[in-house]
PDB file of N, CA and C in Angstrom:
ATOM      1  N   UNK A   1      -0.171  10.043   8.167  1.00  0.00           N
ATOM      2  CA  UNK A   1      -0.101  10.052   6.727  1.00  0.00           C
ATOM      3  C   UNK A   1      -0.939   8.911   6.127  1.00  0.00           C
ATOM      4  N   UNK A   2      -0.613   7.666   6.422  1.00  0.00           N
ATOM      5  CA  UNK A   2      -1.353   6.504   5.932  1.00  0.00           C
ATOM      6  C   UNK A   2      -1.758   5.652   7.123  1.00  0.00           C
ATOM      7  N   UNK A   3      -2.976   5.113   7.069  1.00  0.00           N
ATOM      8  CA  UNK A   3      -3.462   4.206   8.100  1.00  0.00           C
ATOM      9  C   UNK A   3      -3.415   2.788   7.553  1.00  0.00           C
ATOM     10  N   UNK A   4      -2.971   1.847   8.381  1.00  0.00           N
ATOM     11  CA  UNK A   4      -2.909   0.438   8.003  1.00  0.00           C
ATOM     12  C   UNK A   4      -3.800  -0.325   8.974  1.00  0.00           C
ATOM     13  N   UNK A   5      -4.822  -0.984   8.452  1.00  0.00           N
ATOM     14  CA  UNK A   5      -5.740  -1.711   9.327  1.00  0.00           C
ATOM     15  C   UNK A   5      -5.064  -2.961   9.893  1.00  0.00           C
ATOM     16  N   UNK A   6      -5.626  -3.478  10.970  1.00  0.00           N
ATOM     17  CA  UNK A   6      -5.067  -4.669  11.605  1.00  0.00           C
ATOM     18  C   UNK A   6      -5.071  -5.872  10.661  1.00  0.00           C
ATOM     19  N   UNK A   7      -6.119  -6.008   9.852  1.00  0.00           N
ATOM     20  CA  UNK A   7      -6.162  -7.100   8.874  1.00  0.00           C
ATOM     21  C   UNK A   7      -4.999  -7.007   7.888  1.00  0.00           C
ATOM     22  N   UNK A   8      -4.679  -5.791   7.432  1.00  0.00           N
ATOM     23  CA  UNK A   8      -3.556  -5.598   6.512  1.00  0.00           C
ATOM     24  C   UNK A   8      -2.234  -5.909   7.205  1.00  0.00           C
ATOM     25  N   UNK A   9      -2.084  -5.461   8.456  1.00  0.00           N
ATOM     26  CA  UNK A   9      -0.863  -5.748   9.226  1.00  0.00           C
ATOM     27  C   UNK A   9      -0.654  -7.248   9.328  1.00  0.00           C
ATOM     28  N   UNK A  10      -1.685  -7.980   9.675  1.00  0.00           N
ATOM     29  CA  UNK A  10      -1.561  -9.432   9.846  1.00  0.00           C
ATOM     30  C   UNK A  10      -1.215 -10.124   8.529  1.00  0.00           C
ATOM     31  N   UNK A  11      -1.784  -9.650   7.432  1.00  0.00           N
ATOM     32  CA  UNK A  11      -1.471 -10.274   6.144  1.00  0.00           C
ATOM     33  C   UNK A  11      -0.022  -9.990   5.740  1.00  0.00           C
ATOM     34  N   UNK A  12       0.435  -8.764   5.953  1.00  0.00           N
ATOM     35  CA  UNK A  12       1.822  -8.417   5.634  1.00  0.00           C
ATOM     36  C   UNK A  12       2.774  -9.262   6.475  1.00  0.00           C
ATOM     37  N   UNK A  13       2.446  -9.468   7.744  1.00  0.00           N
ATOM     38  CA  UNK A  13       3.281 -10.328   8.601  1.00  0.00           C
ATOM     39  C   UNK A  13       3.413 -11.731   8.006  1.00  0.00           C
ATOM     40  N   UNK A  14       2.356 -12.221   7.386  1.00  0.00           N
ATOM     41  CA  UNK A  14       2.397 -13.533   6.763  1.00  0.00           C
ATOM     42  C   UNK A  14       3.255 -13.579   5.511  1.00  0.00           C
ATOM     43  N   UNK A  15       3.501 -12.432   4.900  1.00  0.00           N
ATOM     44  CA  UNK A  15       4.301 -12.363   3.684  1.00  0.00           C
ATOM     45  C   UNK A  15       5.795 -12.218   3.951  1.00  0.00           C
ATOM     46  N   UNK A  16       6.138 -11.692   5.131  1.00  0.00           N
ATOM     47  CA  UNK A  16       7.545 -11.417   5.455  1.00  0.00           C
ATOM     48  C   UNK A  16       7.935 -12.227   6.678  1.00  0.00           C
ATOM     49  N   UNK A  17       8.901 -13.145   6.543  1.00  0.00           N
ATOM     50  CA  UNK A  17       9.342 -13.898   7.722  1.00  0.00           C
ATOM     51  C   UNK A  17       9.792 -12.949   8.835  1.00  0.00           C
ATOM     52  N   UNK A  18       9.526 -13.330  10.068  1.00  0.00           N
ATOM     53  CA  UNK A  18       9.829 -12.461  11.215  1.00  0.00           C
ATOM     54  C   UNK A  18      11.277 -11.983  11.227  1.00  0.00           C
ATOM     55  N   UNK A  19      12.209 -12.864  10.897  1.00  0.00           N
ATOM     56  CA  UNK A  19      13.626 -12.479  10.935  1.00  0.00           C
ATOM     57  C   UNK A  19      13.986 -11.455   9.855  1.00  0.00           C
ATOM     58  N   UNK A  20      13.155 -11.313   8.813  1.00  0.00           N
ATOM     59  CA  UNK A  20      13.415 -10.340   7.749  1.00  0.00           C
ATOM     60  C   UNK A  20      12.738  -8.997   7.992  1.00  0.00           C
ATOM     61  N   UNK A  21      11.852  -8.919   8.986  1.00  0.00           N
ATOM     62  CA  UNK A  21      11.088  -7.689   9.217  1.00  0.00           C
ATOM     63  C   UNK A  21      11.925  -6.540   9.755  1.00  0.00           C
ATOM     64  N   UNK A  22      13.162  -6.821  10.176  1.00  0.00           N
ATOM     65  CA  UNK A  22      14.037  -5.745  10.660  1.00  0.00           C
ATOM     66  C   UNK A  22      14.332  -4.781   9.523  1.00  0.00           C
ATOM     67  N   UNK A  23      14.564  -5.301   8.319  1.00  0.00           N
ATOM     68  CA  UNK A  23      14.884  -4.412   7.205  1.00  0.00           C
ATOM     69  C   UNK A  23      13.867  -4.424   6.071  1.00  0.00           C
ATOM     70  N   UNK A  24      13.026  -5.436   5.983  1.00  0.00           N
ATOM     71  CA  UNK A  24      12.068  -5.515   4.881  1.00  0.00           C
ATOM     72  C   UNK A  24      10.675  -5.081   5.309  1.00  0.00           C
ATOM     73  N   UNK A  25       9.948  -4.580   4.328  1.00  0.00           N
ATOM     74  CA  UNK A  25       8.574  -4.166   4.555  1.00  0.00           C
ATOM     75  C   UNK A  25       7.816  -4.159   3.248  1.00  0.00           C
ATOM     76  N   UNK A  26       6.618  -3.626   3.282  1.00  0.00           N
ATOM     77  CA  UNK A  26       5.786  -3.522   2.096  1.00  0.00           C
ATOM     78  C   UNK A  26       6.037  -2.175   1.443  1.00  0.00           C
ATOM     79  N   UNK A  27       6.428  -2.193   0.182  1.00  0.00           N
ATOM     80  CA  UNK A  27       6.570  -0.946  -0.570  1.00  0.00           C
ATOM     81  C   UNK A  27       5.256  -0.711  -1.310  1.00  0.00           C
ATOM     82  N   UNK A  28       4.654   0.440  -1.074  1.00  0.00           N
ATOM     83  CA  UNK A  28       3.441   0.865  -1.763  1.00  0.00           C
ATOM     84  C   UNK A  28       3.840   2.034  -2.646  1.00  0.00           C
ATOM     85  N   UNK A  29       3.551   1.912  -3.947  1.00  0.00           N
ATOM     86  CA  UNK A  29       3.948   2.979  -4.860  1.00  0.00           C
ATOM     87  C   UNK A  29       2.934   3.116  -5.991  1.00  0.00           C
ATOM     88  N   UNK A  30       3.058   4.234  -6.696  1.00  0.00           N
ATOM     89  CA  UNK A  30       2.154   4.579  -7.779  1.00  0.00           C
ATOM     90  C   UNK A  30       2.927   4.532  -9.086  1.00  0.00           C
ATOM     91  N   UNK A  31       2.304   3.950 -10.112  1.00  0.00           N
ATOM     92  CA  UNK A  31       2.866   3.956 -11.456  1.00  0.00           C
ATOM     93  C   UNK A  31       1.826   4.485 -12.425  1.00  0.00           C
ATOM     94  N   UNK A  32       2.308   5.086 -13.512  1.00  0.00           N
ATOM     95  CA  UNK A  32       1.389   5.530 -14.557  1.00  0.00           C
ATOM     96  C   UNK A  32       0.867   4.305 -15.276  1.00  0.00           C
ATOM     97  N   UNK A  33      -0.429   4.296 -15.512  1.00  0.00           N
ATOM     98  CA  UNK A  33      -1.052   3.180 -16.210  1.00  0.00           C
ATOM     99  C   UNK A  33      -2.361   2.803 -15.558  1.00  0.00           C
ATOM    100  N   UNK A  34      -2.938   1.745 -16.027  1.00  0.00           N
ATOM    101  CA  UNK A  34      -4.240   1.333 -15.518  1.00  0.00           C
ATOM    102  C   UNK A  34      -5.338   2.070 -16.253  1.00  0.00           C
ATOM    103  N   UNK A  35      -6.559   1.646 -16.068  1.00  0.00           N
ATOM    104  CA  UNK A  35      -7.667   2.225 -16.835  1.00  0.00           C
ATOM    105  C   UNK A  35      -8.051   3.627 -16.375  1.00  0.00           C
ATOM    106  N   UNK A  36      -7.569   4.072 -15.217  1.00  0.00           N
ATOM    107  CA  UNK A  36      -7.898   5.429 -14.750  1.00  0.00           C
ATOM    108  C   UNK A  36      -6.695   6.366 -14.745  1.00  0.00           C
ATOM    109  N   UNK A  37      -5.537   5.916 -15.216  1.00  0.00           N
ATOM    110  CA  UNK A  37      -4.382   6.800 -15.351  1.00  0.00           C
ATOM    111  C   UNK A  37      -3.222   6.501 -14.425  1.00  0.00           C
ATOM    112  N   UNK A  38      -3.495   6.146 -13.177  1.00  0.00           N
ATOM    113  CA  UNK A  38      -2.447   5.800 -12.209  1.00  0.00           C
ATOM    114  C   UNK A  38      -2.834   4.486 -11.542  1.00  0.00           C
ATOM    115  N   UNK A  39      -1.852   3.651 -11.238  1.00  0.00           N
ATOM    116  CA  UNK A  39      -2.178   2.374 -10.603  1.00  0.00           C
ATOM    117  C   UNK A  39      -1.365   2.172  -9.333  1.00  0.00           C
ATOM    118  N   UNK A  40      -1.965   1.446  -8.404  1.00  0.00           N
ATOM    119  CA  UNK A  40      -1.315   1.088  -7.150  1.00  0.00           C
ATOM    120  C   UNK A  40      -0.452  -0.149  -7.377  1.00  0.00           C
ATOM    121  N   UNK A  41       0.738  -0.133  -6.840  1.00  0.00           N
ATOM    122  CA  UNK A  41       1.638  -1.283  -6.922  1.00  0.00           C
ATOM    123  C   UNK A  41       2.180  -1.560  -5.529  1.00  0.00           C
ATOM    124  N   UNK A  42       2.500  -2.820  -5.267  1.00  0.00           N
ATOM    125  CA  UNK A  42       3.057  -3.230  -3.971  1.00  0.00           C
ATOM    126  C   UNK A  42       4.096  -4.312  -4.202  1.00  0.00           C
ATOM    127  N   UNK A  43       5.109  -4.309  -3.347  1.00  0.00           N
ATOM    128  CA  UNK A  43       6.085  -5.392  -3.349  1.00  0.00           C
ATOM    129  C   UNK A  43       6.815  -5.395  -2.015  1.00  0.00           C
ATOM    130  N   UNK A  44       7.405  -6.525  -1.679  1.00  0.00           N
ATOM    131  CA  UNK A  44       8.239  -6.620  -0.476  1.00  0.00           C
ATOM    132  C   UNK A  44       9.603  -6.069  -0.848  1.00  0.00           C
ATOM    133  N   UNK A  45      10.118  -5.161  -0.029  1.00  0.00           N
ATOM    134  CA  UNK A  45      11.344  -4.453  -0.390  1.00  0.00           C
ATOM    135  C   UNK A  45      12.030  -3.955   0.876  1.00  0.00           C
ATOM    136  N   UNK A  46      13.175  -3.310   0.683  1.00  0.00           N
ATOM    137  CA  UNK A  46      13.879  -2.637   1.783  1.00  0.00           C
ATOM    138  C   UNK A  46      13.737  -1.131   1.574  1.00  0.00           C
ATOM    139  N   UNK A  47      13.985  -0.375   2.619  1.00  0.00           N
ATOM    140  CA  UNK A  47      13.876   1.074   2.540  1.00  0.00           C
ATOM    141  C   UNK A  47      14.973   1.628   1.640  1.00  0.00           C
ATOM    142  N   UNK A  48      14.604   2.547   0.757  1.00  0.00           N
ATOM    143  CA  UNK A  48      15.532   3.210  -0.151  1.00  0.00           C
ATOM    144  C   UNK A  48      15.749   4.649   0.314  1.00  0.00           C
ATOM    145  N   UNK A  49      16.834   5.262  -0.136  1.00  0.00           N
ATOM    146  CA  UNK A  49      17.111   6.656   0.188  1.00  0.00           C
ATOM    147  C   UNK A  49      15.937   7.515  -0.266  1.00  0.00           C
ATOM    148  N   UNK A  50      15.477   8.397   0.595  1.00  0.00           N
ATOM    149  CA  UNK A  50      14.375   9.292   0.278  1.00  0.00           C
ATOM    150  C   UNK A  50      12.999   8.758   0.619  1.00  0.00           C
ATOM    151  N   UNK A  51      12.917   7.488   1.010  1.00  0.00           N
ATOM    152  CA  UNK A  51      11.625   6.902   1.372  1.00  0.00           C
ATOM    153  C   UNK A  51      11.150   7.414   2.724  1.00  0.00           C
ATOM    154  N   UNK A  52       9.842   7.528   2.863  1.00  0.00           N
ATOM    155  CA  UNK A  52       9.269   7.686   4.191  1.00  0.00           C
ATOM    156  C   UNK A  52       8.843   6.291   4.641  1.00  0.00           C
ATOM    157  N   UNK A  53       8.762   6.088   5.950  1.00  0.00           N
ATOM    158  CA  UNK A  53       8.422   4.778   6.486  1.00  0.00           C
ATOM    159  C   UNK A  53       7.335   4.932   7.531  1.00  0.00           C
ATOM    160  N   UNK A  54       6.369   4.032   7.467  1.00  0.00           N
ATOM    161  CA  UNK A  54       5.307   3.970   8.459  1.00  0.00           C
ATOM    162  C   UNK A  54       5.428   2.618   9.133  1.00  0.00           C
ATOM    163  N   UNK A  55       5.433   2.607  10.459  1.00  0.00           N
ATOM    164  CA  UNK A  55       5.471   1.353  11.207  1.00  0.00           C
ATOM    165  C   UNK A  55       4.139   1.166  11.911  1.00  0.00           C
ATOM    166  N   UNK A  56       3.635  -0.055  11.841  1.00  0.00           N
ATOM    167  CA  UNK A  56       2.365  -0.362  12.483  1.00  0.00           C
ATOM    168  C   UNK A  56       2.333  -1.843  12.830  1.00  0.00           C
ATOM    169  N   UNK A  57       2.129  -2.161  14.084  1.00  0.00           N
ATOM    170  CA  UNK A  57       1.974  -3.549  14.500  1.00  0.00           C
ATOM    171  C   UNK A  57       3.160  -4.441  14.191  1.00  0.00           C
ATOM    172  N   UNK A  58       4.350  -3.887  14.128  1.00  0.00           N
ATOM    173  CA  UNK A  58       5.540  -4.694  13.863  1.00  0.00           C
ATOM    174  C   UNK A  58       5.901  -4.840  12.395  1.00  0.00           C
ATOM    175  N   UNK A  59       5.201  -4.125  11.507  1.00  0.00           N
ATOM    176  CA  UNK A  59       5.561  -4.155  10.090  1.00  0.00           C
ATOM    177  C   UNK A  59       5.879  -2.732   9.625  1.00  0.00           C
ATOM    178  N   UNK A  60       6.560  -2.653   8.478  1.00  0.00           N
ATOM    179  CA  UNK A  60       6.930  -1.367   7.905  1.00  0.00           C
ATOM    180  C   UNK A  60       6.304  -1.233   6.526  1.00  0.00           C
ATOM    181  N   UNK A  61       5.915  -0.004   6.196  1.00  0.00           N
ATOM    182  CA  UNK A  61       5.448   0.319   4.860  1.00  0.00           C
ATOM    183  C   UNK A  61       6.324   1.461   4.356  1.00  0.00           C
ATOM    184  N   UNK A  62       6.899   1.274   3.168  1.00  0.00           N
ATOM    185  CA  UNK A  62       7.785   2.267   2.567  1.00  0.00           C
ATOM    186  C   UNK A  62       7.073   2.985   1.434  1.00  0.00           C
ATOM    187  N   UNK A  63       7.281   4.305   1.377  1.00  0.00           N
ATOM    188  CA  UNK A  63       6.690   5.146   0.330  1.00  0.00           C
ATOM    189  C   UNK A  63       7.761   6.054  -0.241  1.00  0.00           C
ATOM    190  N   UNK A  64       7.873   6.085  -1.566  1.00  0.00           N
ATOM    191  CA  UNK A  64       8.781   7.051  -2.167  1.00  0.00           C
ATOM    192  C   UNK A  64       8.110   8.426  -2.134  1.00  0.00           C
ATOM    193  N   UNK A  65       8.899   9.454  -2.359  1.00  0.00           N
ATOM    194  CA  UNK A  65       8.395  10.829  -2.209  1.00  0.00           C
ATOM    195  C   UNK A  65       7.232  11.129  -3.156  1.00  0.00           C
ATOM    196  N   UNK A  66       7.336  10.726  -4.412  1.00  0.00           N
ATOM    197  CA  UNK A  66       6.284  11.015  -5.392  1.00  0.00           C
ATOM    198  C   UNK A  66       4.986  10.289  -5.039  1.00  0.00           C
ATOM    199  N   UNK A  67       5.078   9.017  -4.669  1.00  0.00           N
ATOM    200  CA  UNK A  67       3.883   8.245  -4.316  1.00  0.00           C
ATOM    201  C   UNK A  67       3.212   8.789  -3.068  1.00  0.00           C
ATOM    202  N   UNK A  68       4.008   9.298  -2.128  1.00  0.00           N
ATOM    203  CA  UNK A  68       3.461   9.851  -0.890  1.00  0.00           C
ATOM    204  C   UNK A  68       2.460  10.966  -1.163  1.00  0.00           C
ATOM    205  N   UNK A  69       2.720  11.760  -2.194  1.00  0.00           N
ATOM    206  CA  UNK A  69       1.822  12.867  -2.539  1.00  0.00           C
ATOM    207  C   UNK A  69       0.429  12.355  -2.911  1.00  0.00           C
ATOM    208  N   UNK A  70       0.381  11.250  -3.639  1.00  0.00           N
ATOM    209  CA  UNK A  70      -0.897  10.691  -4.093  1.00  0.00           C
ATOM    210  C   UNK A  70      -1.606   9.892  -3.004  1.00  0.00           C
ATOM    211  N   UNK A  71      -0.849   9.399  -2.020  1.00  0.00           N
ATOM    212  CA  UNK A  71      -1.411   8.483  -1.028  1.00  0.00           C
ATOM    213  C   UNK A  71      -1.704   9.118   0.325  1.00  0.00           C
ATOM    214  N   UNK A  72      -1.433  10.399   0.478  1.00  0.00           N
ATOM    215  CA  UNK A  72      -1.641  11.084   1.747  1.00  0.00           C
ATOM    216  C   UNK A  72      -3.078  10.894   2.236  1.00  0.00           C
ATOM    217  N   UNK A  73      -3.227  10.422   3.467  1.00  0.00           N
ATOM    218  CA  UNK A  73      -4.540  10.232   4.065  1.00  0.00           C
ATOM    219  C   UNK A  73      -5.216   8.915   3.722  1.00  0.00           C
ATOM    220  N   UNK A  74      -4.541   8.057   2.973  1.00  0.00           N
ATOM    221  CA  UNK A  74      -5.129   6.786   2.542  1.00  0.00           C
ATOM    222  C   UNK A  74      -5.155   5.751   3.666  1.00  0.00           C
ATOM    223  N   UNK A  75      -6.018   4.763   3.496  1.00  0.00           N
ATOM    224  CA  UNK A  75      -6.101   3.627   4.407  1.00  0.00           C
ATOM    225  C   UNK A  75      -5.867   2.355   3.612  1.00  0.00           C
ATOM    226  N   UNK A  76      -4.942   1.516   4.097  1.00  0.00           N
ATOM    227  CA  UNK A  76      -4.673   0.215   3.488  1.00  0.00           C
ATOM    228  C   UNK A  76      -5.374  -0.837   4.332  1.00  0.00           C
ATOM    229  N   UNK A  77      -6.219  -1.634   3.693  1.00  0.00           N
ATOM    230  CA  UNK A  77      -6.892  -2.724   4.394  1.00  0.00           C
ATOM    231  C   UNK A  77      -6.673  -4.009   3.601  1.00  0.00           C
ATOM    232  N   UNK A  78      -7.065  -5.124   4.209  1.00  0.00           N
ATOM    233  CA  UNK A  78      -6.988  -6.412   3.522  1.00  0.00           C
ATOM    234  C   UNK A  78      -8.323  -7.113   3.697  1.00  0.00           C
ATOM    235  N   UNK A  79      -8.951  -7.448   2.583  1.00  0.00           N
ATOM    236  CA  UNK A  79     -10.259  -8.094   2.606  1.00  0.00           C
ATOM    237  C   UNK A  79     -10.129  -9.574   2.294  1.00  0.00           C
ATOM    238  N   UNK A  80     -10.918 -10.380   2.969  1.00  0.00           N
ATOM    239  CA  UNK A  80     -10.987 -11.804   2.665  1.00  0.00           C
ATOM    240  C   UNK A  80     -12.430 -12.148   2.336  1.00  0.00           C
ATOM    241  N   UNK A  81     -12.613 -13.148   1.569  1.00  0.00           N
ATOM    242  CA  UNK A  81     -13.955 -13.563   1.195  1.00  0.00           C
ATOM    243  C   UNK A  81     -13.923 -14.300  -0.127  1.00  0.00           C
ATOM    244  N   UNK A  82     -15.080 -14.647  -0.616  1.00  0.00           N
ATOM    245  CA  UNK A  82     -15.155 -15.381  -1.877  1.00  0.00           C
ATOM    246  C   UNK A  82     -14.772 -14.516  -3.072  1.00  0.00           C
ATOM    247  N   UNK A  83     -15.065 -13.231  -2.997  1.00  0.00           N
ATOM    248  CA  UNK A  83     -14.691 -12.313  -4.070  1.00  0.00           C
ATOM    249  C   UNK A  83     -13.963 -11.122  -3.468  1.00  0.00           C
ATOM    250  N   UNK A  84     -13.181 -10.456  -4.271  1.00  0.00           N
ATOM    251  CA  UNK A  84     -12.450  -9.242  -3.865  1.00  0.00           C
ATOM    252  C   UNK A  84     -11.474  -9.458  -2.720  1.00  0.00           C
ATOM    253  N   UNK A  85     -10.858 -10.638  -2.638  1.00  0.00           N
ATOM    254  CA  UNK A  85      -9.835 -10.874  -1.625  1.00  0.00           C
ATOM    255  C   UNK A  85      -8.571 -10.124  -2.023  1.00  0.00           C
ATOM    256  N   UNK A  86      -7.959  -9.463  -1.067  1.00  0.00           N
ATOM    257  CA  UNK A  86      -6.697  -8.773  -1.314  1.00  0.00           C
ATOM    258  C   UNK A  86      -6.652  -7.422  -0.638  1.00  0.00           C
ATOM    259  N   UNK A  87      -5.553  -6.731  -0.888  1.00  0.00           N
ATOM    260  CA  UNK A  87      -5.371  -5.395  -0.333  1.00  0.00           C
ATOM    261  C   UNK A  87      -6.322  -4.418  -1.020  1.00  0.00           C
ATOM    262  N   UNK A  88      -6.823  -3.483  -0.239  1.00  0.00           N
ATOM    263  CA  UNK A  88      -7.666  -2.409  -0.747  1.00  0.00           C
ATOM    264  C   UNK A  88      -7.090  -1.094  -0.243  1.00  0.00           C
ATOM    265  N   UNK A  89      -7.135  -0.092  -1.090  1.00  0.00           N
ATOM    266  CA  UNK A  89      -6.642   1.227  -0.719  1.00  0.00           C
ATOM    267  C   UNK A  89      -7.791   2.211  -0.837  1.00  0.00           C
ATOM    268  N   UNK A  90      -8.145   2.806   0.283  1.00  0.00           N
ATOM    269  CA  UNK A  90      -9.159   3.856   0.307  1.00  0.00           C
ATOM    270  C   UNK A  90      -8.389   5.169   0.251  1.00  0.00           C
ATOM    271  N   UNK A  91      -8.417   5.814  -0.907  1.00  0.00           N
ATOM    272  CA  UNK A  91      -7.601   6.988  -1.161  1.00  0.00           C
ATOM    273  C   UNK A  91      -8.490   8.219  -1.311  1.00  0.00           C
ATOM    274  N   UNK A  92      -8.435   9.146  -0.346  1.00  0.00           N
ATOM    275  CA  UNK A  92      -9.267  10.351  -0.428  1.00  0.00           C
ATOM    276  C   UNK A  92      -8.839  11.298  -1.543  1.00  0.00           C
ATOM    277  N   UNK A  93      -7.665  11.075  -2.140  1.00  0.00           N
ATOM    278  CA  UNK A  93      -7.156  11.928  -3.213  1.00  0.00           C
ATOM    279  C   UNK A  93      -7.625  11.475  -4.592  1.00  0.00           C
ATOM    280  N   UNK A  94      -8.248  10.311  -4.670  1.00  0.00           N
ATOM    281  CA  UNK A  94      -8.699   9.771  -5.958  1.00  0.00           C
ATOM    282  C   UNK A  94      -9.996  10.453  -6.379  1.00  0.00           C
ATOM    283  N   UNK A  95      -9.966  11.096  -7.528  1.00  0.00           N
ATOM    284  CA  UNK A  95     -11.167  11.735  -8.063  1.00  0.00           C
ATOM    285  C   UNK A  95     -12.059  10.705  -8.738  1.00  0.00           C
ATOM    286  N   UNK A  96     -11.434   9.689  -9.296  1.00  0.00           N
ATOM    287  CA  UNK A  96     -12.164   8.636  -9.995  1.00  0.00           C
ATOM    288  C   UNK A  96     -11.351   7.354  -9.865  1.00  0.00           C
ATOM    289  N   UNK A  97     -12.026   6.223  -9.672  1.00  0.00           N
ATOM    290  CA  UNK A  97     -11.345   4.933  -9.613  1.00  0.00           C
ATOM    291  C   UNK A  97     -11.964   3.997 -10.634  1.00  0.00           C
ATOM    292  N   UNK A  98     -11.199   2.972 -10.990  1.00  0.00           N
ATOM    293  CA  UNK A  98     -11.739   1.983 -11.911  1.00  0.00           C
ATOM    294  C   UNK A  98     -12.589   0.978 -11.118  1.00  0.00           C
ATOM    295  N   UNK A  99     -13.316   0.163 -11.807  1.00  0.00           N
ATOM    296  CA  UNK A  99     -14.211  -0.786 -11.166  1.00  0.00           C
ATOM    297  C   UNK A  99     -13.499  -1.804 -10.292  1.00  0.00           C
ATOM    298  N   UNK A 100     -12.274  -2.184 -10.647  1.00  0.00           N
ATOM    299  CA  UNK A 100     -11.566  -3.197  -9.860  1.00  0.00           C
ATOM    300  C   UNK A 100     -10.812  -2.591  -8.672  1.00  0.00           C
ATOM    301  N   UNK A 101     -10.670  -1.256  -8.634  1.00  0.00           N
ATOM    302  CA  UNK A 101     -10.034  -0.599  -7.503  1.00  0.00           C
ATOM    303  C   UNK A 101      -8.521  -0.584  -7.536  1.00  0.00           C
ATOM    304  N   UNK A 102      -7.915  -0.976  -8.674  1.00  0.00           N
ATOM    305  CA  UNK A 102      -6.444  -0.996  -8.733  1.00  0.00           C
ATOM    306  C   UNK A 102      -5.856   0.227  -9.404  1.00  0.00           C
ATOM    307  N   UNK A 103      -6.690   1.083  -9.984  1.00  0.00           N
ATOM    308  CA  UNK A 103      -6.174   2.307 -10.571  1.00  0.00           C
ATOM    309  C   UNK A 103      -7.095   3.465 -10.231  1.00  0.00           C
ATOM    310  N   UNK A 104      -6.555   4.683 -10.401  1.00  0.00           N
ATOM    311  CA  UNK A 104      -7.318   5.872 -10.034  1.00  0.00           C
ATOM    312  C   UNK A 104      -6.836   7.075 -10.819  1.00  0.00           C
ATOM    313  N   UNK A 105      -7.626   8.121 -10.760  1.00  0.00           N
ATOM    314  CA  UNK A 105      -7.261   9.421 -11.348  1.00  0.00           C
ATOM    315  C   UNK A 105      -7.145  10.413 -10.209  1.00  0.00           C
ATOM    316  N   UNK A 106      -6.031  11.133 -10.178  1.00  0.00           N
ATOM    317  CA  UNK A 106      -5.802  12.091  -9.091  1.00  0.00           C
ATOM    318  C   UNK A 106      -6.400  13.443  -9.432  1.00  0.00           C
TER     319      UNK A 106
END
């Protein structure tokens, strides 16, 4: 469903203490808004009823049912550098994205 690159796995590990990784993970979800209509959101959270879960390299990523539809086939990566540092989502379902890459049109 979703691919998580090793760079993203390592960064998520740095955000969640090892003892909390049993129940906590990265929640990736979609909200209405942003310059292209839908925006990507992330937070550290626990699994909720109805969530799907992806495990990779010792971390978990949680997706609610509605967000899963928009994110199917996506790749989550983490870029470092002088500019554009942060998580990036390569979403094959996005028909159009904004210049900063944080919102898209499905």
